[in-house]
Full PDB file with SEQRES, HELIX, SHEET, SSBOND, CRYST1, ORIGX, SCALE, CONECT and MASTER records, all heavy atoms in Angstrom:
SEQRES   1 A   42  GLY GLY HIS LEU VAL ALA ASN ILE SER CYS GLU HIS MET          
SEQRES   2 A   42  ARG ILE GLU GLU LEU TYR GLY LYS PRO LEU ASP CYS LYS          
SEQRES   3 A   42  PRO THR ALA VAL GLY LEU SER TYR PRO VAL ILE TYR ASN          
SEQRES   4 A   42  VAL GLY HIS                                                  
HELIX    1 AA1 GLY A    2  GLU A   11  1                                  10    
HELIX    2 AA2 HIS A   12  ARG A   14  5                                   3    
HELIX    3 AA3 ILE A   15  TYR A   19  1                                   5    
HELIX    4 AA4 ASN A   39  GLY A   41  5                                   3    
CRYST1    1.000    1.000    1.000  90.00  90.00  90.00 P 1           1          
ORIGX1      1.000000  0.000000  0.000000        0.00000                         
ORIGX2      0.000000  1.000000  0.000000        0.00000                         
ORIGX3      0.000000  0.000000  1.000000        0.00000                         
SCALE1      1.000000  0.000000  0.000000        0.00000                         
SCALE2      0.000000  1.000000  0.000000        0.00000                         
SCALE3      0.000000  0.000000  1.000000        0.00000                         
ATOM      1  N   GLY A   1     -10.026 -11.663   5.090  1.00  0.00           N  
ATOM      2  CA  GLY A   1      -9.288 -10.505   4.610  1.00  0.00           C  
ATOM      3  C   GLY A   1      -9.270  -9.387   5.632  1.00  0.00           C  
ATOM      4  O   GLY A   1      -8.310  -8.613   5.723  1.00  0.00           O  
ATOM      5  N   GLY A   2     -10.338  -9.274   6.423  1.00  0.00           N  
ATOM      6  CA  GLY A   2     -10.363  -8.327   7.529  1.00  0.00           C  
ATOM      7  C   GLY A   2      -9.358  -8.692   8.598  1.00  0.00           C  
ATOM      8  O   GLY A   2      -8.728  -7.816   9.209  1.00  0.00           O  
ATOM      9  N   HIS A   3      -9.190  -9.983   8.828  1.00  0.00           N  
ATOM     10  CA  HIS A   3      -8.160 -10.443   9.767  1.00  0.00           C  
ATOM     11  C   HIS A   3      -6.784 -10.041   9.269  1.00  0.00           C  
ATOM     12  O   HIS A   3      -5.930  -9.560  10.037  1.00  0.00           O  
ATOM     13  CB  HIS A   3      -8.246 -11.966   9.923  1.00  0.00           C  
ATOM     14  CG  HIS A   3      -7.232 -12.531  10.865  1.00  0.00           C  
ATOM     15  ND1 HIS A   3      -5.989 -12.963  10.448  1.00  0.00           N  
ATOM     16  CD2 HIS A   3      -7.281 -12.747  12.206  1.00  0.00           C  
ATOM     17  CE1 HIS A   3      -5.309 -13.407  11.489  1.00  0.00           C  
ATOM     18  NE2 HIS A   3      -6.070 -13.294  12.568  1.00  0.00           N  
ATOM     19  N   LEU A   4      -6.544 -10.208   7.967  1.00  0.00           N  
ATOM     20  CA  LEU A   4      -5.245  -9.861   7.396  1.00  0.00           C  
ATOM     21  C   LEU A   4      -4.994  -8.358   7.482  1.00  0.00           C  
ATOM     22  O   LEU A   4      -3.874  -7.921   7.803  1.00  0.00           O  
ATOM     23  CB  LEU A   4      -5.175 -10.341   5.947  1.00  0.00           C  
ATOM     24  CG  LEU A   4      -3.842 -10.188   5.217  1.00  0.00           C  
ATOM     25  CD1 LEU A   4      -2.694 -10.801   5.996  1.00  0.00           C  
ATOM     26  CD2 LEU A   4      -3.941 -10.797   3.823  1.00  0.00           C  
ATOM     27  N   VAL A   5      -6.014  -7.548   7.219  1.00  0.00           N  
ATOM     28  CA  VAL A   5      -5.867  -6.095   7.327  1.00  0.00           C  
ATOM     29  C   VAL A   5      -5.642  -5.684   8.788  1.00  0.00           C  
ATOM     30  O   VAL A   5      -4.823  -4.800   9.081  1.00  0.00           O  
ATOM     31  CB  VAL A   5      -7.096  -5.382   6.728  1.00  0.00           C  
ATOM     32  CG1 VAL A   5      -7.074  -3.894   7.050  1.00  0.00           C  
ATOM     33  CG2 VAL A   5      -7.132  -5.590   5.217  1.00  0.00           C  
ATOM     34  N   ALA A   6      -6.346  -6.314   9.710  1.00  0.00           N  
ATOM     35  CA  ALA A   6      -6.101  -6.044  11.129  1.00  0.00           C  
ATOM     36  C   ALA A   6      -4.688  -6.463  11.516  1.00  0.00           C  
ATOM     37  O   ALA A   6      -4.022  -5.800  12.328  1.00  0.00           O  
ATOM     38  CB  ALA A   6      -7.137  -6.774  11.984  1.00  0.00           C  
ATOM     39  N   ASN A   7      -4.201  -7.543  10.922  1.00  0.00           N  
ATOM     40  CA  ASN A   7      -2.852  -8.029  11.209  1.00  0.00           C  
ATOM     41  C   ASN A   7      -1.791  -7.006  10.801  1.00  0.00           C  
ATOM     42  O   ASN A   7      -0.866  -6.703  11.550  1.00  0.00           O  
ATOM     43  CB  ASN A   7      -2.623  -9.365  10.494  1.00  0.00           C  
ATOM     44  CG  ASN A   7      -1.431 -10.142  11.016  1.00  0.00           C  
ATOM     45  OD1 ASN A   7      -1.076 -11.181  10.471  1.00  0.00           O  
ATOM     46  ND2 ASN A   7      -0.778  -9.659  12.059  1.00  0.00           N  
ATOM     47  N   ILE A   8      -1.910  -6.443   9.590  1.00  0.00           N  
ATOM     48  CA  ILE A   8      -0.936  -5.429   9.172  1.00  0.00           C  
ATOM     49  C   ILE A   8      -1.098  -4.168  10.023  1.00  0.00           C  
ATOM     50  O   ILE A   8      -0.123  -3.465  10.313  1.00  0.00           O  
ATOM     51  CB  ILE A   8      -1.061  -5.102   7.665  1.00  0.00           C  
ATOM     52  CG1 ILE A   8       0.182  -4.358   7.161  1.00  0.00           C  
ATOM     53  CG2 ILE A   8      -2.297  -4.285   7.364  1.00  0.00           C  
ATOM     54  CD1 ILE A   8       1.405  -5.193   7.035  1.00  0.00           C  
ATOM     55  N   SER A   9      -2.320  -3.883  10.457  1.00  0.00           N  
ATOM     56  CA  SER A   9      -2.554  -2.732  11.324  1.00  0.00           C  
ATOM     57  C   SER A   9      -1.818  -2.875  12.651  1.00  0.00           C  
ATOM     58  O   SER A   9      -1.229  -1.920  13.162  1.00  0.00           O  
ATOM     59  CB  SER A   9      -4.053  -2.558  11.598  1.00  0.00           C  
ATOM     60  OG  SER A   9      -4.760  -2.251  10.423  1.00  0.00           O  
ATOM     61  N   CYS A  10      -1.854  -4.071  13.200  1.00  0.00           N  
ATOM     62  CA  CYS A  10      -1.281  -4.312  14.522  1.00  0.00           C  
ATOM     63  C   CYS A  10       0.204  -4.655  14.488  1.00  0.00           C  
ATOM     64  O   CYS A  10       0.906  -4.485  15.499  1.00  0.00           O  
ATOM     65  CB  CYS A  10      -2.040  -5.442  15.223  1.00  0.00           C  
ATOM     66  SG  CYS A  10      -3.769  -5.052  15.587  1.00  0.00           S  
ATOM     67  N   GLU A  11       0.694  -5.164  13.343  1.00  0.00           N  
ATOM     68  CA  GLU A  11       2.076  -5.647  13.310  1.00  0.00           C  
ATOM     69  C   GLU A  11       2.893  -5.087  12.153  1.00  0.00           C  
ATOM     70  O   GLU A  11       3.879  -5.695  11.736  1.00  0.00           O  
ATOM     71  CB  GLU A  11       2.079  -7.179  13.271  1.00  0.00           C  
ATOM     72  CG  GLU A  11       1.401  -7.805  14.480  1.00  0.00           C  
ATOM     73  CD  GLU A  11       1.811  -9.242  14.697  1.00  0.00           C  
ATOM     74  OE1 GLU A  11       1.277 -10.122  13.989  1.00  0.00           O  
ATOM     75  OE2 GLU A  11       2.666  -9.476  15.569  1.00  0.00           O  
ATOM     76  N   HIS A  12       2.539  -3.915  11.654  1.00  0.00           N  
ATOM     77  CA  HIS A  12       3.322  -3.292  10.585  1.00  0.00           C  
ATOM     78  C   HIS A  12       4.759  -3.040  11.021  1.00  0.00           C  
ATOM     79  O   HIS A  12       5.676  -3.057  10.203  1.00  0.00           O  
ATOM     80  CB  HIS A  12       2.665  -1.982  10.146  1.00  0.00           C  
ATOM     81  CG  HIS A  12       2.452  -0.996  11.261  1.00  0.00           C  
ATOM     82  ND1 HIS A  12       3.413  -0.101  11.655  1.00  0.00           N  
ATOM     83  CD2 HIS A  12       1.381  -0.779  12.058  1.00  0.00           C  
ATOM     84  CE1 HIS A  12       2.957   0.622  12.656  1.00  0.00           C  
ATOM     85  NE2 HIS A  12       1.723   0.232  12.923  1.00  0.00           N  
ATOM     86  N   MET A  13       4.949  -2.845  12.321  1.00  0.00           N  
ATOM     87  CA  MET A  13       6.299  -2.575  12.826  1.00  0.00           C  
ATOM     88  C   MET A  13       7.190  -3.819  12.831  1.00  0.00           C  
ATOM     89  O   MET A  13       8.407  -3.709  12.971  1.00  0.00           O  
ATOM     90  CB  MET A  13       6.221  -1.970  14.229  1.00  0.00           C  
ATOM     91  CG  MET A  13       5.779  -2.933  15.324  1.00  0.00           C  
ATOM     92  SD  MET A  13       4.053  -3.520  15.196  1.00  0.00           S  
ATOM     93  CE  MET A  13       3.173  -2.009  15.535  1.00  0.00           C  
ATOM     94  N   ARG A  14       6.619  -5.006  12.626  1.00  0.00           N  
ATOM     95  CA  ARG A  14       7.403  -6.251  12.625  1.00  0.00           C  
ATOM     96  C   ARG A  14       7.855  -6.671  11.224  1.00  0.00           C  
ATOM     97  O   ARG A  14       8.586  -7.651  11.074  1.00  0.00           O  
ATOM     98  CB  ARG A  14       6.578  -7.405  13.219  1.00  0.00           C  
ATOM     99  CG  ARG A  14       6.289  -7.300  14.697  1.00  0.00           C  
ATOM    100  CD  ARG A  14       5.687  -8.605  15.200  1.00  0.00           C  
ATOM    101  NE  ARG A  14       6.622  -9.716  15.075  1.00  0.00           N  
ATOM    102  CZ  ARG A  14       6.312 -10.912  14.572  1.00  0.00           C  
ATOM    103  NH1 ARG A  14       5.094 -11.144  14.109  1.00  0.00           N  
ATOM    104  NH2 ARG A  14       7.209 -11.882  14.518  1.00  0.00           N  
ATOM    105  N   ILE A  15       7.430  -5.932  10.206  1.00  0.00           N  
ATOM    106  CA  ILE A  15       7.681  -6.395   8.837  1.00  0.00           C  
ATOM    107  C   ILE A  15       9.163  -6.450   8.510  1.00  0.00           C  
ATOM    108  O   ILE A  15       9.628  -7.391   7.856  1.00  0.00           O  
ATOM    109  CB  ILE A  15       6.931  -5.503   7.828  1.00  0.00           C  
ATOM    110  CG1 ILE A  15       5.418  -5.629   8.065  1.00  0.00           C  
ATOM    111  CG2 ILE A  15       7.286  -5.890   6.401  1.00  0.00           C  
ATOM    112  CD1 ILE A  15       4.875  -7.040   7.956  1.00  0.00           C  
ATOM    113  N   GLU A  16       9.939  -5.490   8.959  1.00  0.00           N  
ATOM    114  CA  GLU A  16      11.383  -5.540   8.689  1.00  0.00           C  
ATOM    115  C   GLU A  16      12.005  -6.792   9.293  1.00  0.00           C  
ATOM    116  O   GLU A  16      12.846  -7.452   8.665  1.00  0.00           O  
ATOM    117  CB  GLU A  16      12.072  -4.288   9.233  1.00  0.00           C  
ATOM    118  CG  GLU A  16      13.561  -4.265   8.917  1.00  0.00           C  
ATOM    119  CD  GLU A  16      14.235  -2.962   9.294  1.00  0.00           C  
ATOM    120  OE1 GLU A  16      13.560  -2.058   9.844  1.00  0.00           O  
ATOM    121  OE2 GLU A  16      15.449  -2.828   9.035  1.00  0.00           O  
ATOM    122  N   GLU A  17      11.593  -7.149  10.486  1.00  0.00           N  
ATOM    123  CA  GLU A  17      12.072  -8.373  11.138  1.00  0.00           C  
ATOM    124  C   GLU A  17      11.695  -9.611  10.330  1.00  0.00           C  
ATOM    125  O   GLU A  17      12.499 -10.525  10.144  1.00  0.00           O  
ATOM    126  CB  GLU A  17      11.479  -8.454  12.541  1.00  0.00           C  
ATOM    127  CG  GLU A  17      11.691  -9.766  13.266  1.00  0.00           C  
ATOM    128  CD  GLU A  17      10.814  -9.896  14.496  1.00  0.00           C  
ATOM    129  OE1 GLU A  17      10.303  -8.869  14.991  1.00  0.00           O  
ATOM    130  OE2 GLU A  17      10.614 -11.039  14.958  1.00  0.00           O  
ATOM    131  N   LEU A  18      10.476  -9.646   9.809  1.00  0.00           N  
ATOM    132  CA  LEU A  18       9.983 -10.818   9.087  1.00  0.00           C  
ATOM    133  C   LEU A  18      10.489 -10.891   7.645  1.00  0.00           C  
ATOM    134  O   LEU A  18      10.730 -11.974   7.118  1.00  0.00           O  
ATOM    135  CB  LEU A  18       8.453 -10.816   9.078  1.00  0.00           C  
ATOM    136  CG  LEU A  18       7.765 -10.933  10.441  1.00  0.00           C  
ATOM    137  CD1 LEU A  18       6.273 -10.692  10.301  1.00  0.00           C  
ATOM    138  CD2 LEU A  18       8.034 -12.289  11.069  1.00  0.00           C  
ATOM    139  N   TYR A  19      10.651  -9.724   7.014  1.00  0.00           N  
ATOM    140  CA  TYR A  19      11.000  -9.663   5.590  1.00  0.00           C  
ATOM    141  C   TYR A  19      12.499  -9.520   5.358  1.00  0.00           C  
ATOM    142  O   TYR A  19      13.015  -9.898   4.306  1.00  0.00           O  
ATOM    143  CB  TYR A  19      10.248  -8.489   4.949  1.00  0.00           C  
ATOM    144  CG  TYR A  19      10.447  -8.331   3.467  1.00  0.00           C  
ATOM    145  CD1 TYR A  19      10.103  -9.347   2.569  1.00  0.00           C  
ATOM    146  CD2 TYR A  19      10.968  -7.151   2.942  1.00  0.00           C  
ATOM    147  CE1 TYR A  19      10.275  -9.184   1.199  1.00  0.00           C  
ATOM    148  CE2 TYR A  19      11.141  -6.981   1.578  1.00  0.00           C  
ATOM    149  CZ  TYR A  19      10.789  -8.002   0.709  1.00  0.00           C  
ATOM    150  OH  TYR A  19      10.967  -7.828  -0.646  1.00  0.00           O  
ATOM    151  N   GLY A  20      13.196  -8.957   6.333  1.00  0.00           N  
ATOM    152  CA  GLY A  20      14.637  -8.762   6.192  1.00  0.00           C  
ATOM    153  C   GLY A  20      15.031  -7.353   5.821  1.00  0.00           C  
ATOM    154  O   GLY A  20      16.205  -6.998   5.889  1.00  0.00           O  
ATOM    155  N   LYS A  21      14.074  -6.542   5.416  1.00  0.00           N  
ATOM    156  CA  LYS A  21      14.309  -5.133   5.142  1.00  0.00           C  
ATOM    157  C   LYS A  21      12.978  -4.399   5.291  1.00  0.00           C  
ATOM    158  O   LYS A  21      11.911  -5.023   5.221  1.00  0.00           O  
ATOM    159  CB  LYS A  21      14.898  -4.918   3.746  1.00  0.00           C  
ATOM    160  CG  LYS A  21      14.107  -5.515   2.612  1.00  0.00           C  
ATOM    161  CD  LYS A  21      14.861  -5.322   1.294  1.00  0.00           C  
ATOM    162  CE  LYS A  21      14.127  -5.973   0.130  1.00  0.00           C  
ATOM    163  NZ  LYS A  21      14.865  -5.812  -1.145  1.00  0.00           N  
ATOM    164  N   PRO A  22      13.028  -3.087   5.479  1.00  0.00           N  
ATOM    165  CA  PRO A  22      11.783  -2.359   5.763  1.00  0.00           C  
ATOM    166  C   PRO A  22      10.889  -2.228   4.543  1.00  0.00           C  
ATOM    167  O   PRO A  22      11.354  -2.126   3.411  1.00  0.00           O  
ATOM    168  CB  PRO A  22      12.284  -0.988   6.233  1.00  0.00           C  
ATOM    169  CG  PRO A  22      13.630  -0.831   5.600  1.00  0.00           C  
ATOM    170  CD  PRO A  22      14.217  -2.209   5.542  1.00  0.00           C  
ATOM    171  N   LEU A  23       9.594  -2.218   4.791  1.00  0.00           N  
ATOM    172  CA  LEU A  23       8.587  -1.915   3.784  1.00  0.00           C  
ATOM    173  C   LEU A  23       7.697  -0.817   4.353  1.00  0.00           C  
ATOM    174  O   LEU A  23       7.375  -0.818   5.542  1.00  0.00           O  
ATOM    175  CB  LEU A  23       7.749  -3.151   3.438  1.00  0.00           C  
ATOM    176  CG  LEU A  23       8.472  -4.320   2.773  1.00  0.00           C  
ATOM    177  CD1 LEU A  23       7.525  -5.515   2.619  1.00  0.00           C  
ATOM    178  CD2 LEU A  23       9.031  -3.922   1.414  1.00  0.00           C  
ATOM    179  N   ASP A  24       7.292   0.114   3.508  1.00  0.00           N  
ATOM    180  CA  ASP A  24       6.452   1.228   3.934  1.00  0.00           C  
ATOM    181  C   ASP A  24       4.999   0.751   3.931  1.00  0.00           C  
ATOM    182  O   ASP A  24       4.284   0.892   2.939  1.00  0.00           O  
ATOM    183  CB  ASP A  24       6.648   2.405   2.973  1.00  0.00           C  
ATOM    184  CG  ASP A  24       6.007   3.689   3.483  1.00  0.00           C  
ATOM    185  OD1 ASP A  24       5.324   3.632   4.530  1.00  0.00           O  
ATOM    186  OD2 ASP A  24       6.194   4.735   2.841  1.00  0.00           O  
ATOM    187  N   CYS A  25       4.553   0.187   5.029  1.00  0.00           N  
ATOM    188  CA  CYS A  25       3.312  -0.594   4.994  1.00  0.00           C  
ATOM    189  C   CYS A  25       2.310  -0.267   6.086  1.00  0.00           C  
ATOM    190  O   CYS A  25       1.332  -1.005   6.262  1.00  0.00           O  
ATOM    191  CB  CYS A  25       3.648  -2.082   5.040  1.00  0.00           C  
ATOM    192  SG  CYS A  25       4.517  -2.588   6.538  1.00  0.00           S  
ATOM    193  N   LYS A  26       2.482   0.822   6.813  1.00  0.00           N  
ATOM    194  CA  LYS A  26       1.480   1.157   7.823  1.00  0.00           C  
ATOM    195  C   LYS A  26       0.277   1.808   7.150  1.00  0.00           C  
ATOM    196  O   LYS A  26       0.407   2.831   6.477  1.00  0.00           O  
ATOM    197  CB  LYS A  26       2.057   2.114   8.870  1.00  0.00           C  
ATOM    198  CG  LYS A  26       1.048   2.460   9.961  1.00  0.00           C  
ATOM    199  CD  LYS A  26       1.632   3.406  11.000  1.00  0.00           C  
ATOM    200  CE  LYS A  26       0.594   3.760  12.054  1.00  0.00           C  
ATOM    201  NZ  LYS A  26       1.132   4.674  13.092  1.00  0.00           N  
ATOM    202  N   PRO A  27      -0.914   1.253   7.298  1.00  0.00           N  
ATOM    203  CA  PRO A  27      -2.103   1.869   6.699  1.00  0.00           C  
ATOM    204  C   PRO A  27      -2.397   3.240   7.306  1.00  0.00           C  
ATOM    205  O   PRO A  27      -2.132   3.476   8.489  1.00  0.00           O  
ATOM    206  CB  PRO A  27      -3.228   0.884   7.035  1.00  0.00           C  
ATOM    207  CG  PRO A  27      -2.538  -0.403   7.404  1.00  0.00           C  
ATOM    208  CD  PRO A  27      -1.239  -0.002   8.008  1.00  0.00           C  
ATOM    209  N   THR A  28      -2.942   4.112   6.492  1.00  0.00           N  
ATOM    210  CA  THR A  28      -3.402   5.403   7.008  1.00  0.00           C  
ATOM    211  C   THR A  28      -4.600   5.192   7.932  1.00  0.00           C  
ATOM    212  O   THR A  28      -4.696   5.784   9.008  1.00  0.00           O  
ATOM    213  CB  THR A  28      -3.784   6.334   5.850  1.00  0.00           C  
ATOM    214  OG1 THR A  28      -2.654   6.469   4.985  1.00  0.00           O  
ATOM    215  CG2 THR A  28      -4.200   7.703   6.360  1.00  0.00           C  
ATOM    216  N   ALA A  29      -5.505   4.357   7.516  1.00  0.00           N  
ATOM    217  CA  ALA A  29      -6.650   3.884   8.294  1.00  0.00           C  
ATOM    218  C   ALA A  29      -7.186   2.669   7.542  1.00  0.00           C  
ATOM    219  O   ALA A  29      -6.806   2.425   6.399  1.00  0.00           O  
ATOM    220  CB  ALA A  29      -7.721   4.954   8.461  1.00  0.00           C  
ATOM    221  N   VAL A  30      -8.069   1.902   8.176  1.00  0.00           N  
ATOM    222  CA  VAL A  30      -8.553   0.676   7.546  1.00  0.00           C  
ATOM    223  C   VAL A  30     -10.061   0.538   7.697  1.00  0.00           C  
ATOM    224  O   VAL A  30     -10.677   1.149   8.584  1.00  0.00           O  
ATOM    225  CB  VAL A  30      -7.869  -0.587   8.140  1.00  0.00           C  
ATOM    226  CG1 VAL A  30      -6.364  -0.522   7.943  1.00  0.00           C  
ATOM    227  CG2 VAL A  30      -8.220  -0.765   9.616  1.00  0.00           C  
ATOM    228  N   GLY A  31     -10.634  -0.276   6.821  1.00  0.00           N  
ATOM    229  CA  GLY A  31     -12.022  -0.683   6.935  1.00  0.00           C  
ATOM    230  C   GLY A  31     -12.080  -2.184   7.146  1.00  0.00           C  
ATOM    231  O   GLY A  31     -11.460  -2.944   6.397  1.00  0.00           O  
ATOM    232  N   LEU A  32     -12.788  -2.619   8.160  1.00  0.00           N  
ATOM    233  CA  LEU A  32     -12.895  -4.037   8.494  1.00  0.00           C  
ATOM    234  C   LEU A  32     -14.351  -4.456   8.352  1.00  0.00           C  
ATOM    235  O   LEU A  32     -15.216  -4.027   9.118  1.00  0.00           O  
ATOM    236  CB  LEU A  32     -12.400  -4.301   9.914  1.00  0.00           C  
ATOM    237  CG  LEU A  32     -10.963  -3.847  10.218  1.00  0.00           C  
ATOM    238  CD1 LEU A  32     -10.607  -4.146  11.675  1.00  0.00           C  
ATOM    239  CD2 LEU A  32      -9.961  -4.500   9.280  1.00  0.00           C  
ATOM    240  N   SER A  33     -14.613  -5.292   7.359  1.00  0.00           N  
ATOM    241  CA  SER A  33     -15.970  -5.730   7.052  1.00  0.00           C  
ATOM    242  C   SER A  33     -16.188  -7.142   7.572  1.00  0.00           C  
ATOM    243  O   SER A  33     -15.497  -8.071   7.156  1.00  0.00           O  
ATOM    244  CB  SER A  33     -16.189  -5.692   5.537  1.00  0.00           C  
ATOM    245  OG  SER A  33     -15.964  -4.394   5.023  1.00  0.00           O  
ATOM    246  N   TYR A  34     -17.135  -7.283   8.483  1.00  0.00           N  
ATOM    247  CA  TYR A  34     -17.393  -8.556   9.181  1.00  0.00           C  
ATOM    248  C   TYR A  34     -16.092  -9.351   9.379  1.00  0.00           C  
ATOM    249  O   TYR A  34     -15.960 -10.500   8.961  1.00  0.00           O  
ATOM    250  CB  TYR A  34     -18.467  -9.393   8.472  1.00  0.00           C  
ATOM    251  CG  TYR A  34     -18.442  -9.393   6.945  1.00  0.00           C  
ATOM    252  CD1 TYR A  34     -17.672 -10.304   6.223  1.00  0.00           C  
ATOM    253  CD2 TYR A  34     -19.219  -8.492   6.224  1.00  0.00           C  
ATOM    254  CE1 TYR A  34     -17.666 -10.320   4.842  1.00  0.00           C  
ATOM    255  CE2 TYR A  34     -19.217  -8.495   4.835  1.00  0.00           C  
ATOM    256  CZ  TYR A  34     -18.433  -9.418   4.158  1.00  0.00           C  
ATOM    257  OH  TYR A  34     -18.429  -9.437   2.766  1.00  0.00           O  
ATOM    258  N   PRO A  35     -15.117  -8.733  10.090  1.00  0.00           N  
ATOM    259  CA  PRO A  35     -13.767  -9.313  10.157  1.00  0.00           C  
ATOM    260  C   PRO A  35     -13.657 -10.494  11.122  1.00  0.00           C  
ATOM    261  O   PRO A  35     -14.356 -10.563  12.134  1.00  0.00           O  
ATOM    262  CB  PRO A  35     -12.930  -8.139  10.672  1.00  0.00           C  
ATOM    263  CG  PRO A  35     -13.888  -7.388  11.556  1.00  0.00           C  
ATOM    264  CD  PRO A  35     -15.216  -7.466  10.838  1.00  0.00           C  
ATOM    265  N   VAL A  36     -12.768 -11.417  10.787  1.00  0.00           N  
ATOM    266  CA  VAL A  36     -12.320 -12.436  11.735  1.00  0.00           C  
ATOM    267  C   VAL A  36     -11.276 -11.761  12.625  1.00  0.00           C  
ATOM    268  O   VAL A  36     -10.291 -11.211  12.122  1.00  0.00           O  
ATOM    269  CB  VAL A  36     -11.703 -13.643  11.005  1.00  0.00           C  
ATOM    270  CG1 VAL A  36     -11.117 -14.635  12.015  1.00  0.00           C  
ATOM    271  CG2 VAL A  36     -12.739 -14.324  10.119  1.00  0.00           C  
ATOM    272  N   ILE A  37     -11.471 -11.808  13.937  1.00  0.00           N  
ATOM    273  CA  ILE A  37     -10.568 -11.119  14.855  1.00  0.00           C  
ATOM    274  C   ILE A  37      -9.898 -12.063  15.840  1.00  0.00           C  
ATOM    275  O   ILE A  37      -8.708 -11.930  16.126  1.00  0.00           O  
ATOM    276  CB  ILE A  37     -11.325 -10.005  15.622  1.00  0.00           C  
ATOM    277  CG1 ILE A  37     -11.763  -8.907  14.659  1.00  0.00           C  
ATOM    278  CG2 ILE A  37     -10.477  -9.424  16.751  1.00  0.00           C  
ATOM    279  CD1 ILE A  37     -10.621  -8.183  13.947  1.00  0.00           C  
ATOM    280  N   TYR A  38     -10.637 -13.057  16.338  1.00  0.00           N  
ATOM    281  CA  TYR A  38     -10.034 -13.956  17.323  1.00  0.00           C  
ATOM    282  C   TYR A  38     -10.362 -15.400  16.950  1.00  0.00           C  
ATOM    283  O   TYR A  38     -11.269 -15.677  16.167  1.00  0.00           O  
ATOM    284  CB  TYR A  38     -10.502 -13.617  18.741  1.00  0.00           C  
ATOM    285  CG  TYR A  38     -11.953 -13.895  19.037  1.00  0.00           C  
ATOM    286  CD1 TYR A  38     -12.322 -14.888  19.937  1.00  0.00           C  
ATOM    287  CD2 TYR A  38     -12.959 -13.135  18.435  1.00  0.00           C  
ATOM    288  CE1 TYR A  38     -13.652 -15.138  20.227  1.00  0.00           C  
ATOM    289  CE2 TYR A  38     -14.295 -13.373  18.726  1.00  0.00           C  
ATOM    290  CZ  TYR A  38     -14.634 -14.367  19.618  1.00  0.00           C  
ATOM    291  OH  TYR A  38     -15.953 -14.610  19.897  1.00  0.00           O  
ATOM    292  N   ASN A  39      -9.574 -16.326  17.493  1.00  0.00           N  
ATOM    293  CA  ASN A  39      -9.617 -17.710  17.008  1.00  0.00           C  
ATOM    294  C   ASN A  39     -10.976 -18.385  17.198  1.00  0.00           C  
ATOM    295  O   ASN A  39     -11.446 -19.083  16.301  1.00  0.00           O  
ATOM    296  CB  ASN A  39      -8.498 -18.547  17.646  1.00  0.00           C  
ATOM    297  CG  ASN A  39      -8.413 -18.409  19.154  1.00  0.00           C  
ATOM    298  OD1 ASN A  39      -9.330 -17.895  19.798  1.00  0.00           O  
ATOM    299  ND2 ASN A  39      -7.299 -18.847  19.725  1.00  0.00           N  
ATOM    300  N   VAL A  40     -11.642 -18.173  18.323  1.00  0.00           N  
ATOM    301  CA  VAL A  40     -12.958 -18.778  18.512  1.00  0.00           C  
ATOM    302  C   VAL A  40     -13.975 -18.111  17.578  1.00  0.00           C  
ATOM    303  O   VAL A  40     -14.987 -18.706  17.214  1.00  0.00           O  
ATOM    304  CB  VAL A  40     -13.395 -18.673  19.988  1.00  0.00           C  
ATOM    305  CG1 VAL A  40     -14.775 -19.282  20.200  1.00  0.00           C  
ATOM    306  CG2 VAL A  40     -12.372 -19.377  20.884  1.00  0.00           C  
ATOM    307  N   GLY A  41     -13.671 -16.878  17.138  1.00  0.00           N  
ATOM    308  CA  GLY A  41     -14.573 -16.157  16.259  1.00  0.00           C  
ATOM    309  C   GLY A  41     -14.750 -16.809  14.899  1.00  0.00           C  
ATOM    310  O   GLY A  41     -15.791 -16.667  14.273  1.00  0.00           O  
ATOM    311  N   HIS A  42     -13.716 -17.489  14.406  1.00  0.00           N  
ATOM    312  CA  HIS A  42     -13.834 -18.302  13.192  1.00  0.00           C  
ATOM    313  C   HIS A  42     -12.591 -19.175  13.094  1.00  0.00           C  
ATOM    314  O   HIS A  42     -11.621 -18.831  12.411  1.00  0.00           O  
ATOM    315  CB  HIS A  42     -13.990 -17.444  11.936  1.00  0.00           C  
ATOM    316  CG  HIS A  42     -14.390 -18.259  10.738  1.00  0.00           C  
ATOM    317  ND1 HIS A  42     -13.528 -18.542   9.704  1.00  0.00           N  
ATOM    318  CD2 HIS A  42     -15.565 -18.883  10.440  1.00  0.00           C  
ATOM    319  CE1 HIS A  42     -14.151 -19.288   8.793  1.00  0.00           C  
ATOM    320  NE2 HIS A  42     -15.391 -19.510   9.229  1.00  0.00           N  
TER     321      HIS A  42                                                      
MASTER        0    0    0    4    0    0    0    6  320    1    0    4          
END                                                                             
């Protein structure tokens, strides 16, 4: 879930491209608890 939250943090600007219309989805700030960040990491 930390990976997913980091994903929206880093790629919120791509959502219109992926979804077909804009969504107001940039987090104000996030908390990442023992997050998965890179592929070798988990």
